[in-house]
Amino acid sequence: MLADSISMPIKVLQKEGNELKLRFEGETHTSLELFRNKLDNNESVDYVNFFPGHPVLDDPELYIRTKGKKNPVKLIQDVCKEISKEFDSIKLKE
């Protein structure tokens, strides 16, 4: 394991029903592209996109709308766990 944990501050901007808008503080569009890709391939997602904003002035935002009554917060948590598992096996070659 490379690190015990990595902190990624996320601010909830909007949470209404099956819609969620998040701001990823201090992150770049690279991180959000990973989330967007995972969510876009999920059958419970109706729409997902990220908005990078100004590269110096703005933190990127992620918008997700789920189908039916699927909880978008739970979906984001599940994707975080999935991504974490993928990176858990990274090893440094010396």
PDB file of N, CA and C in Angstrom:
ATOM      1  N   MET A   1       0.848  -1.176   0.000  1.00  0.00           N
ATOM      2  CA  MET A   1       0.000   0.000   0.000  1.00  0.00           C
ATOM      3  C   MET A   1       0.895   1.241   0.000  1.00  0.00           C
ATOM      4  N   LEU A   2       0.557   2.202  -0.838  1.00  0.00           N
ATOM      5  CA  LEU A   2       1.375   3.410  -0.956  1.00  0.00           C
ATOM      6  C   LEU A   2       1.067   4.440   0.120  1.00  0.00           C
ATOM      7  N   ALA A   3      -0.180   4.536   0.524  1.00  0.00           N
ATOM      8  CA  ALA A   3      -0.574   5.523   1.520  1.00  0.00           C
ATOM      9  C   ALA A   3      -1.676   4.935   2.387  1.00  0.00           C
ATOM     10  N   ASP A   4      -1.746   5.408   3.635  1.00  0.00           N
ATOM     11  CA  ASP A   4      -2.809   4.931   4.512  1.00  0.00           C
ATOM     12  C   ASP A   4      -4.172   5.383   4.012  1.00  0.00           C
ATOM     13  N   SER A   5      -4.256   6.628   3.629  1.00  0.00           N
ATOM     14  CA  SER A   5      -5.505   7.143   3.065  1.00  0.00           C
ATOM     15  C   SER A   5      -5.221   8.440   2.327  1.00  0.00           C
ATOM     16  N   ILE A   6      -6.102   8.745   1.423  1.00  0.00           N
ATOM     17  CA  ILE A   6      -5.992   9.983   0.667  1.00  0.00           C
ATOM     18  C   ILE A   6      -7.281  10.753   0.883  1.00  0.00           C
ATOM     19  N   SER A   7      -7.148  11.990   1.285  1.00  0.00           N
ATOM     20  CA  SER A   7      -8.317  12.817   1.539  1.00  0.00           C
ATOM     21  C   SER A   7      -8.689  13.593   0.283  1.00  0.00           C
ATOM     22  N   MET A   8      -9.970  13.587  -0.035  1.00  0.00           N
ATOM     23  CA  MET A   8     -10.471  14.332  -1.182  1.00  0.00           C
ATOM     24  C   MET A   8     -11.708  15.101  -0.701  1.00  0.00           C
ATOM     25  N   PRO A   9     -11.528  16.366  -0.292  1.00  0.00           N
ATOM     26  CA  PRO A   9     -12.676  17.136   0.185  1.00  0.00           C
ATOM     27  C   PRO A   9     -13.729  17.311  -0.914  1.00  0.00           C
ATOM     28  N   ILE A  10     -14.962  16.948  -0.583  1.00  0.00           N
ATOM     29  CA  ILE A  10     -16.066  17.052  -1.533  1.00  0.00           C
ATOM     30  C   ILE A  10     -17.192  17.831  -0.865  1.00  0.00           C
ATOM     31  N   LYS A  11     -17.657  18.873  -1.535  1.00  0.00           N
ATOM     32  CA  LYS A  11     -18.740  19.703  -1.018  1.00  0.00           C
ATOM     33  C   LYS A  11     -20.017  19.400  -1.794  1.00  0.00           C
ATOM     34  N   VAL A  12     -21.104  19.156  -1.070  1.00  0.00           N
ATOM     35  CA  VAL A  12     -22.402  18.928  -1.705  1.00  0.00           C
ATOM     36  C   VAL A  12     -23.008  20.285  -2.048  1.00  0.00           C
ATOM     37  N   LEU A  13     -23.240  20.520  -3.337  1.00  0.00           N
ATOM     38  CA  LEU A  13     -23.831  21.777  -3.798  1.00  0.00           C
ATOM     39  C   LEU A  13     -25.341  21.657  -3.964  1.00  0.00           C
ATOM     40  N   GLN A  14     -25.793  20.474  -4.352  1.00  0.00           N
ATOM     41  CA  GLN A  14     -27.227  20.252  -4.574  1.00  0.00           C
ATOM     42  C   GLN A  14     -27.528  18.779  -4.328  1.00  0.00           C
ATOM     43  N   LYS A  15     -28.593  18.519  -3.583  1.00  0.00           N
ATOM     44  CA  LYS A  15     -29.059  17.151  -3.367  1.00  0.00           C
ATOM     45  C   LYS A  15     -30.577  17.199  -3.309  1.00  0.00           C
ATOM     46  N   GLU A  16     -31.185  16.813  -4.421  1.00  0.00           N
ATOM     47  CA  GLU A  16     -32.645  16.825  -4.507  1.00  0.00           C
ATOM     48  C   GLU A  16     -33.108  15.551  -5.193  1.00  0.00           C
ATOM     49  N   GLY A  17     -33.783  14.685  -4.449  1.00  0.00           N
ATOM     50  CA  GLY A  17     -34.302  13.454  -5.031  1.00  0.00           C
ATOM     51  C   GLY A  17     -33.197  12.593  -5.616  1.00  0.00           C
ATOM     52  N   ASN A  18     -33.263  12.387  -6.925  1.00  0.00           N
ATOM     53  CA  ASN A  18     -32.268  11.539  -7.593  1.00  0.00           C
ATOM     54  C   ASN A  18     -31.174  12.356  -8.290  1.00  0.00           C
ATOM     55  N   GLU A  19     -30.996  13.620  -7.882  1.00  0.00           N
ATOM     56  CA  GLU A  19     -29.965  14.482  -8.462  1.00  0.00           C
ATOM     57  C   GLU A  19     -28.962  14.901  -7.387  1.00  0.00           C
ATOM     58  N   LEU A  20     -27.708  14.973  -7.803  1.00  0.00           N
ATOM     59  CA  LEU A  20     -26.638  15.339  -6.881  1.00  0.00           C
ATOM     60  C   LEU A  20     -25.580  16.133  -7.641  1.00  0.00           C
ATOM     61  N   LYS A  21     -25.155  17.248  -7.043  1.00  0.00           N
ATOM     62  CA  LYS A  21     -24.091  18.060  -7.628  1.00  0.00           C
ATOM     63  C   LYS A  21     -23.022  18.255  -6.557  1.00  0.00           C
ATOM     64  N   LEU A  22     -21.782  17.885  -6.902  1.00  0.00           N
ATOM     65  CA  LEU A  22     -20.674  17.922  -5.955  1.00  0.00           C
ATOM     66  C   LEU A  22     -19.536  18.785  -6.474  1.00  0.00           C
ATOM     67  N   ARG A  23     -18.810  19.416  -5.552  1.00  0.00           N
ATOM     68  CA  ARG A  23     -17.592  20.148  -5.903  1.00  0.00           C
ATOM     69  C   ARG A  23     -16.414  19.408  -5.264  1.00  0.00           C
ATOM     70  N   PHE A  24     -15.439  19.049  -6.090  1.00  0.00           N
ATOM     71  CA  PHE A  24     -14.256  18.334  -5.630  1.00  0.00           C
ATOM     72  C   PHE A  24     -13.155  19.359  -5.379  1.00  0.00           C
ATOM     73  N   GLU A  25     -12.972  19.730  -4.128  1.00  0.00           N
ATOM     74  CA  GLU A  25     -12.056  20.805  -3.770  1.00  0.00           C
ATOM     75  C   GLU A  25     -10.601  20.380  -3.945  1.00  0.00           C
ATOM     76  N   GLY A  26      -9.853  21.199  -4.684  1.00  0.00           N
ATOM     77  CA  GLY A  26      -8.437  20.963  -4.892  1.00  0.00           C
ATOM     78  C   GLY A  26      -8.118  19.876  -5.909  1.00  0.00           C
ATOM     79  N   GLU A  27      -9.114  19.397  -6.617  1.00  0.00           N
ATOM     80  CA  GLU A  27      -8.907  18.330  -7.598  1.00  0.00           C
ATOM     81  C   GLU A  27      -8.888  18.905  -9.013  1.00  0.00           C
ATOM     82  N   THR A  28      -8.553  18.050  -9.959  1.00  0.00           N
ATOM     83  CA  THR A  28      -8.535  18.443 -11.363  1.00  0.00           C
ATOM     84  C   THR A  28      -9.560  17.622 -12.122  1.00  0.00           C
ATOM     85  N   HIS A  29      -9.709  17.942 -13.383  1.00  0.00           N
ATOM     86  CA  HIS A  29     -10.666  17.197 -14.203  1.00  0.00           C
ATOM     87  C   HIS A  29     -10.260  15.733 -14.353  1.00  0.00           C
ATOM     88  N   THR A  30      -8.994  15.414 -14.115  1.00  0.00           N
ATOM     89  CA  THR A  30      -8.525  14.029 -14.227  1.00  0.00           C
ATOM     90  C   THR A  30      -9.254  13.126 -13.239  1.00  0.00           C
ATOM     91  N   SER A  31      -9.365  13.567 -11.995  1.00  0.00           N
ATOM     92  CA  SER A  31     -10.079  12.788 -10.977  1.00  0.00           C
ATOM     93  C   SER A  31     -11.544  12.622 -11.343  1.00  0.00           C
ATOM     94  N   LEU A  32     -12.152  13.707 -11.798  1.00  0.00           N
ATOM     95  CA  LEU A  32     -13.573  13.647 -12.120  1.00  0.00           C
ATOM     96  C   LEU A  32     -13.854  12.804 -13.350  1.00  0.00           C
ATOM     97  N   GLU A  33     -12.923  12.748 -14.275  1.00  0.00           N
ATOM     98  CA  GLU A  33     -13.105  11.899 -15.455  1.00  0.00           C
ATOM     99  C   GLU A  33     -13.193  10.436 -15.040  1.00  0.00           C
ATOM    100  N   LEU A  34     -12.436  10.049 -14.046  1.00  0.00           N
ATOM    101  CA  LEU A  34     -12.491   8.682 -13.533  1.00  0.00           C
ATOM    102  C   LEU A  34     -13.876   8.390 -12.944  1.00  0.00           C
ATOM    103  N   PHE A  35     -14.388   9.306 -12.121  1.00  0.00           N
ATOM    104  CA  PHE A  35     -15.732   9.146 -11.560  1.00  0.00           C
ATOM    105  C   PHE A  35     -16.786   9.135 -12.665  1.00  0.00           C
ATOM    106  N   ARG A  36     -16.675  10.084 -13.591  1.00  0.00           N
ATOM    107  CA  ARG A  36     -17.664  10.169 -14.667  1.00  0.00           C
ATOM    108  C   ARG A  36     -17.701   8.886 -15.477  1.00  0.00           C
ATOM    109  N   ASN A  37     -16.545   8.351 -15.789  1.00  0.00           N
ATOM    110  CA  ASN A  37     -16.474   7.128 -16.576  1.00  0.00           C
ATOM    111  C   ASN A  37     -17.125   5.957 -15.848  1.00  0.00           C
ATOM    112  N   LYS A  38     -16.819   5.790 -14.578  1.00  0.00           N
ATOM    113  CA  LYS A  38     -17.416   4.699 -13.787  1.00  0.00           C
ATOM    114  C   LYS A  38     -18.931   4.862 -13.693  1.00  0.00           C
ATOM    115  N   LEU A  39     -19.380   6.084 -13.440  1.00  0.00           N
ATOM    116  CA  LEU A  39     -20.814   6.327 -13.298  1.00  0.00           C
ATOM    117  C   LEU A  39     -21.543   6.190 -14.627  1.00  0.00           C
ATOM    118  N   ASP A  40     -20.906   6.611 -15.700  1.00  0.00           N
ATOM    119  CA  ASP A  40     -21.519   6.537 -17.027  1.00  0.00           C
ATOM    120  C   ASP A  40     -21.779   5.087 -17.442  1.00  0.00           C
ATOM    121  N   ASN A  41     -20.983   4.173 -16.930  1.00  0.00           N
ATOM    122  CA  ASN A  41     -21.147   2.757 -17.242  1.00  0.00           C
ATOM    123  C   ASN A  41     -22.077   2.032 -16.272  1.00  0.00           C
ATOM    124  N   ASN A  42     -22.679   2.770 -15.354  1.00  0.00           N
ATOM    125  CA  ASN A  42     -23.587   2.176 -14.380  1.00  0.00           C
ATOM    126  C   ASN A  42     -25.021   2.275 -14.891  1.00  0.00           C
ATOM    127  N   GLU A  43     -25.733   1.165 -14.886  1.00  0.00           N
ATOM    128  CA  GLU A  43     -27.098   1.127 -15.428  1.00  0.00           C
ATOM    129  C   GLU A  43     -28.102   1.947 -14.619  1.00  0.00           C
ATOM    130  N   SER A  44     -27.758   2.319 -13.393  1.00  0.00           N
ATOM    131  CA  SER A  44     -28.658   3.120 -12.557  1.00  0.00           C
ATOM    132  C   SER A  44     -28.554   4.616 -12.836  1.00  0.00           C
ATOM    133  N   VAL A  45     -27.588   5.011 -13.664  1.00  0.00           N
ATOM    134  CA  VAL A  45     -27.348   6.433 -13.932  1.00  0.00           C
ATOM    135  C   VAL A  45     -28.068   6.865 -15.202  1.00  0.00           C
ATOM    136  N   ASP A  46     -28.861   7.929 -15.064  1.00  0.00           N
ATOM    137  CA  ASP A  46     -29.561   8.511 -16.207  1.00  0.00           C
ATOM    138  C   ASP A  46     -28.652   9.505 -16.938  1.00  0.00           C
ATOM    139  N   TYR A  47     -27.919  10.320 -16.166  1.00  0.00           N
ATOM    140  CA  TYR A  47     -27.032  11.337 -16.745  1.00  0.00           C
ATOM    141  C   TYR A  47     -25.915  11.638 -15.754  1.00  0.00           C
ATOM    142  N   VAL A  48     -24.704  11.807 -16.274  1.00  0.00           N
ATOM    143  CA  VAL A  48     -23.573  12.223 -15.447  1.00  0.00           C
ATOM    144  C   VAL A  48     -22.627  13.055 -16.307  1.00  0.00           C
ATOM    145  N   ASN A  49     -22.076  14.106 -15.702  1.00  0.00           N
ATOM    146  CA  ASN A  49     -21.092  14.925 -16.393  1.00  0.00           C
ATOM    147  C   ASN A  49     -20.309  15.711 -15.353  1.00  0.00           C
ATOM    148  N   PHE A  50     -19.146  16.194 -15.746  1.00  0.00           N
ATOM    149  CA  PHE A  50     -18.404  17.073 -14.858  1.00  0.00           C
ATOM    150  C   PHE A  50     -18.116  18.378 -15.575  1.00  0.00           C
ATOM    151  N   PHE A  51     -17.923  19.406 -14.781  1.00  0.00           N
ATOM    152  CA  PHE A  51     -17.703  20.748 -15.293  1.00  0.00           C
ATOM    153  C   PHE A  51     -16.401  21.259 -14.687  1.00  0.00           C
ATOM    154  N   PRO A  52     -15.347  21.388 -15.504  1.00  0.00           N
ATOM    155  CA  PRO A  52     -14.042  21.751 -14.962  1.00  0.00           C
ATOM    156  C   PRO A  52     -13.943  23.199 -14.485  1.00  0.00           C
ATOM    157  N   GLY A  53     -14.744  24.102 -15.029  1.00  0.00           N
ATOM    158  CA  GLY A  53     -14.634  25.502 -14.655  1.00  0.00           C
ATOM    159  C   GLY A  53     -13.301  26.080 -15.095  1.00  0.00           C
ATOM    160  N   HIS A  54     -12.941  27.215 -14.538  1.00  0.00           N
ATOM    161  CA  HIS A  54     -11.668  27.868 -14.851  1.00  0.00           C
ATOM    162  C   HIS A  54     -10.541  27.089 -14.174  1.00  0.00           C
ATOM    163  N   PRO A  55      -9.461  26.779 -14.902  1.00  0.00           N
ATOM    164  CA  PRO A  55      -8.401  25.933 -14.342  1.00  0.00           C
ATOM    165  C   PRO A  55      -7.699  26.501 -13.109  1.00  0.00           C
ATOM    166  N   VAL A  56      -7.694  27.806 -12.947  1.00  0.00           N
ATOM    167  CA  VAL A  56      -7.018  28.408 -11.799  1.00  0.00           C
ATOM    168  C   VAL A  56      -8.008  28.843 -10.716  1.00  0.00           C
ATOM    169  N   LEU A  57      -9.177  29.287 -11.122  1.00  0.00           N
ATOM    170  CA  LEU A  57     -10.119  29.891 -10.186  1.00  0.00           C
ATOM    171  C   LEU A  57     -11.163  28.940  -9.609  1.00  0.00           C
ATOM    172  N   ASP A  58     -11.523  27.890 -10.334  1.00  0.00           N
ATOM    173  CA  ASP A  58     -12.645  27.046  -9.933  1.00  0.00           C
ATOM    174  C   ASP A  58     -12.230  25.608  -9.650  1.00  0.00           C
ATOM    175  N   ASP A  59     -12.894  25.010  -8.672  1.00  0.00           N
ATOM    176  CA  ASP A  59     -12.769  23.575  -8.453  1.00  0.00           C
ATOM    177  C   ASP A  59     -13.792  22.885  -9.348  1.00  0.00           C
ATOM    178  N   PRO A  60     -13.460  21.711  -9.875  1.00  0.00           N
ATOM    179  CA  PRO A  60     -14.389  21.019 -10.772  1.00  0.00           C
ATOM    180  C   PRO A  60     -15.618  20.495 -10.027  1.00  0.00           C
ATOM    181  N   GLU A  61     -16.710  20.373 -10.776  1.00  0.00           N
ATOM    182  CA  GLU A  61     -17.971  19.897 -10.210  1.00  0.00           C
ATOM    183  C   GLU A  61     -18.469  18.692 -10.990  1.00  0.00           C
ATOM    184  N   LEU A  62     -19.151  17.802 -10.283  1.00  0.00           N
ATOM    185  CA  LEU A  62     -19.724  16.600 -10.876  1.00  0.00           C
ATOM    186  C   LEU A  62     -21.229  16.626 -10.650  1.00  0.00           C
ATOM    187  N   TYR A  63     -21.987  16.368 -11.713  1.00  0.00           N
ATOM    188  CA  TYR A  63     -23.447  16.310 -11.623  1.00  0.00           C
ATOM    189  C   TYR A  63     -23.884  14.902 -11.996  1.00  0.00           C
ATOM    190  N   ILE A  64     -24.779  14.332 -11.203  1.00  0.00           N
ATOM    191  CA  ILE A  64     -25.299  12.998 -11.481  1.00  0.00           C
ATOM    192  C   ILE A  64     -26.814  12.972 -11.253  1.00  0.00           C
ATOM    193  N   ARG A  65     -27.505  12.317 -12.184  1.00  0.00           N
ATOM    194  CA  ARG A  65     -28.951  12.085 -12.044  1.00  0.00           C
ATOM    195  C   ARG A  65     -29.170  10.585 -12.234  1.00  0.00           C
ATOM    196  N   THR A  66     -29.787   9.969 -11.255  1.00  0.00           N
ATOM    197  CA  THR A  66     -30.013   8.529 -11.321  1.00  0.00           C
ATOM    198  C   THR A  66     -31.408   8.217 -11.853  1.00  0.00           C
ATOM    199  N   LYS A  67     -31.581   6.969 -12.258  1.00  0.00           N
ATOM    200  CA  LYS A  67     -32.887   6.501 -12.732  1.00  0.00           C
ATOM    201  C   LYS A  67     -33.731   6.088 -11.530  1.00  0.00           C
ATOM    202  N   GLY A  68     -35.026   6.346 -11.633  1.00  0.00           N
ATOM    203  CA  GLY A  68     -35.940   5.911 -10.579  1.00  0.00           C
ATOM    204  C   GLY A  68     -35.588   6.484  -9.226  1.00  0.00           C
ATOM    205  N   LYS A  69     -35.596   5.618  -8.223  1.00  0.00           N
ATOM    206  CA  LYS A  69     -35.348   6.061  -6.852  1.00  0.00           C
ATOM    207  C   LYS A  69     -33.953   5.705  -6.360  1.00  0.00           C
ATOM    208  N   LYS A  70     -33.063   5.380  -7.268  1.00  0.00           N
ATOM    209  CA  LYS A  70     -31.688   5.035  -6.877  1.00  0.00           C
ATOM    210  C   LYS A  70     -31.031   6.241  -6.207  1.00  0.00           C
ATOM    211  N   ASN A  71     -30.466   6.024  -5.034  1.00  0.00           N
ATOM    212  CA  ASN A  71     -29.850   7.082  -4.242  1.00  0.00           C
ATOM    213  C   ASN A  71     -28.490   7.469  -4.844  1.00  0.00           C
ATOM    214  N   PRO A  72     -28.335   8.715  -5.325  1.00  0.00           N
ATOM    215  CA  PRO A  72     -27.064   9.119  -5.940  1.00  0.00           C
ATOM    216  C   PRO A  72     -25.901   9.157  -4.944  1.00  0.00           C
ATOM    217  N   VAL A  73     -26.181   9.445  -3.677  1.00  0.00           N
ATOM    218  CA  VAL A  73     -25.119   9.468  -2.663  1.00  0.00           C
ATOM    219  C   VAL A  73     -24.564   8.057  -2.471  1.00  0.00           C
ATOM    220  N   LYS A  74     -25.444   7.085  -2.360  1.00  0.00           N
ATOM    221  CA  LYS A  74     -25.031   5.681  -2.215  1.00  0.00           C
ATOM    222  C   LYS A  74     -24.231   5.239  -3.433  1.00  0.00           C
ATOM    223  N   LEU A  75     -24.665   5.666  -4.602  1.00  0.00           N
ATOM    224  CA  LEU A  75     -23.974   5.312  -5.842  1.00  0.00           C
ATOM    225  C   LEU A  75     -22.551   5.882  -5.861  1.00  0.00           C
ATOM    226  N   ILE A  76     -22.386   7.129  -5.447  1.00  0.00           N
ATOM    227  CA  ILE A  76     -21.057   7.754  -5.370  1.00  0.00           C
ATOM    228  C   ILE A  76     -20.179   6.992  -4.370  1.00  0.00           C
ATOM    229  N   GLN A  77     -20.741   6.632  -3.227  1.00  0.00           N
ATOM    230  CA  GLN A  77     -19.984   5.877  -2.229  1.00  0.00           C
ATOM    231  C   GLN A  77     -19.526   4.532  -2.789  1.00  0.00           C
ATOM    232  N   ASP A  78     -20.409   3.861  -3.514  1.00  0.00           N
ATOM    233  CA  ASP A  78     -20.059   2.573  -4.123  1.00  0.00           C
ATOM    234  C   ASP A  78     -18.943   2.727  -5.154  1.00  0.00           C
ATOM    235  N   VAL A  79     -19.014   3.788  -5.947  1.00  0.00           N
ATOM    236  CA  VAL A  79     -17.977   4.039  -6.953  1.00  0.00           C
ATOM    237  C   VAL A  79     -16.638   4.346  -6.272  1.00  0.00           C
ATOM    238  N   CYS A  80     -16.665   5.091  -5.177  1.00  0.00           N
ATOM    239  CA  CYS A  80     -15.431   5.375  -4.429  1.00  0.00           C
ATOM    240  C   CYS A  80     -14.780   4.079  -3.954  1.00  0.00           C
ATOM    241  N   LYS A  81     -15.590   3.169  -3.435  1.00  0.00           N
ATOM    242  CA  LYS A  81     -15.062   1.877  -2.973  1.00  0.00           C
ATOM    243  C   LYS A  81     -14.482   1.081  -4.140  1.00  0.00           C
ATOM    244  N   GLU A  82     -15.175   1.099  -5.265  1.00  0.00           N
ATOM    245  CA  GLU A  82     -14.714   0.376  -6.454  1.00  0.00           C
ATOM    246  C   GLU A  82     -13.371   0.923  -6.944  1.00  0.00           C
ATOM    247  N   ILE A  83     -13.259   2.240  -7.014  1.00  0.00           N
ATOM    248  CA  ILE A  83     -12.010   2.870  -7.456  1.00  0.00           C
ATOM    249  C   ILE A  83     -10.889   2.565  -6.467  1.00  0.00           C
ATOM    250  N   SER A  84     -11.199   2.629  -5.183  1.00  0.00           N
ATOM    251  CA  SER A  84     -10.208   2.341  -4.151  1.00  0.00           C
ATOM    252  C   SER A  84      -9.663   0.922  -4.291  1.00  0.00           C
ATOM    253  N   LYS A  85     -10.539  -0.033  -4.556  1.00  0.00           N
ATOM    254  CA  LYS A  85     -10.106  -1.425  -4.739  1.00  0.00           C
ATOM    255  C   LYS A  85      -9.190  -1.566  -5.953  1.00  0.00           C
ATOM    256  N   GLU A  86      -9.500  -0.843  -7.023  1.00  0.00           N
ATOM    257  CA  GLU A  86      -8.671  -0.907  -8.226  1.00  0.00           C
ATOM    258  C   GLU A  86      -7.254  -0.404  -7.964  1.00  0.00           C
ATOM    259  N   PHE A  87      -7.135   0.642  -7.163  1.00  0.00           N
ATOM    260  CA  PHE A  87      -5.826   1.226  -6.885  1.00  0.00           C
ATOM    261  C   PHE A  87      -5.110   0.542  -5.722  1.00  0.00           C
ATOM    262  N   ASP A  88      -5.808  -0.294  -4.988  1.00  0.00           N
ATOM    263  CA  ASP A  88      -5.238  -0.963  -3.823  1.00  0.00           C
ATOM    264  C   ASP A  88      -4.092  -1.904  -4.199  1.00  0.00           C
ATOM    265  N   SER A  89      -4.110  -2.413  -5.404  1.00  0.00           N
ATOM    266  CA  SER A  89      -3.094  -3.388  -5.808  1.00  0.00           C
ATOM    267  C   SER A  89      -1.854  -2.747  -6.455  1.00  0.00           C
ATOM    268  N   ILE A  90      -1.786  -1.430  -6.483  1.00  0.00           N
ATOM    269  CA  ILE A  90      -0.629  -0.754  -7.082  1.00  0.00           C
ATOM    270  C   ILE A  90       0.621  -1.018  -6.246  1.00  0.00           C
ATOM    271  N   LYS A  91       1.684  -1.395  -6.918  1.00  0.00           N
ATOM    272  CA  LYS A  91       2.962  -1.648  -6.252  1.00  0.00           C
ATOM    273  C   LYS A  91       4.053  -0.851  -6.972  1.00  0.00           C
ATOM    274  N   LEU A  92       4.971  -0.305  -6.204  1.00  0.00           N
ATOM    275  CA  LEU A  92       6.105   0.420  -6.772  1.00  0.00           C
ATOM    276  C   LEU A  92       7.238  -0.553  -7.057  1.00  0.00           C
ATOM    277  N   LYS A  93       7.804  -0.443  -8.238  1.00  0.00           N
ATOM    278  CA  LYS A  93       8.980  -1.251  -8.573  1.00  0.00           C
ATOM    279  C   LYS A  93      10.215  -0.464  -8.175  1.00  0.00           C
ATOM    280  N   GLU A  94      11.105  -1.131  -7.493  1.00  0.00           N
ATOM    281  CA  GLU A  94      12.334  -0.453  -7.046  1.00  0.00           C
ATOM    282  C   GLU A  94      13.525  -0.980  -7.786  1.00  0.00           C
TER     283      GLU A  94
END
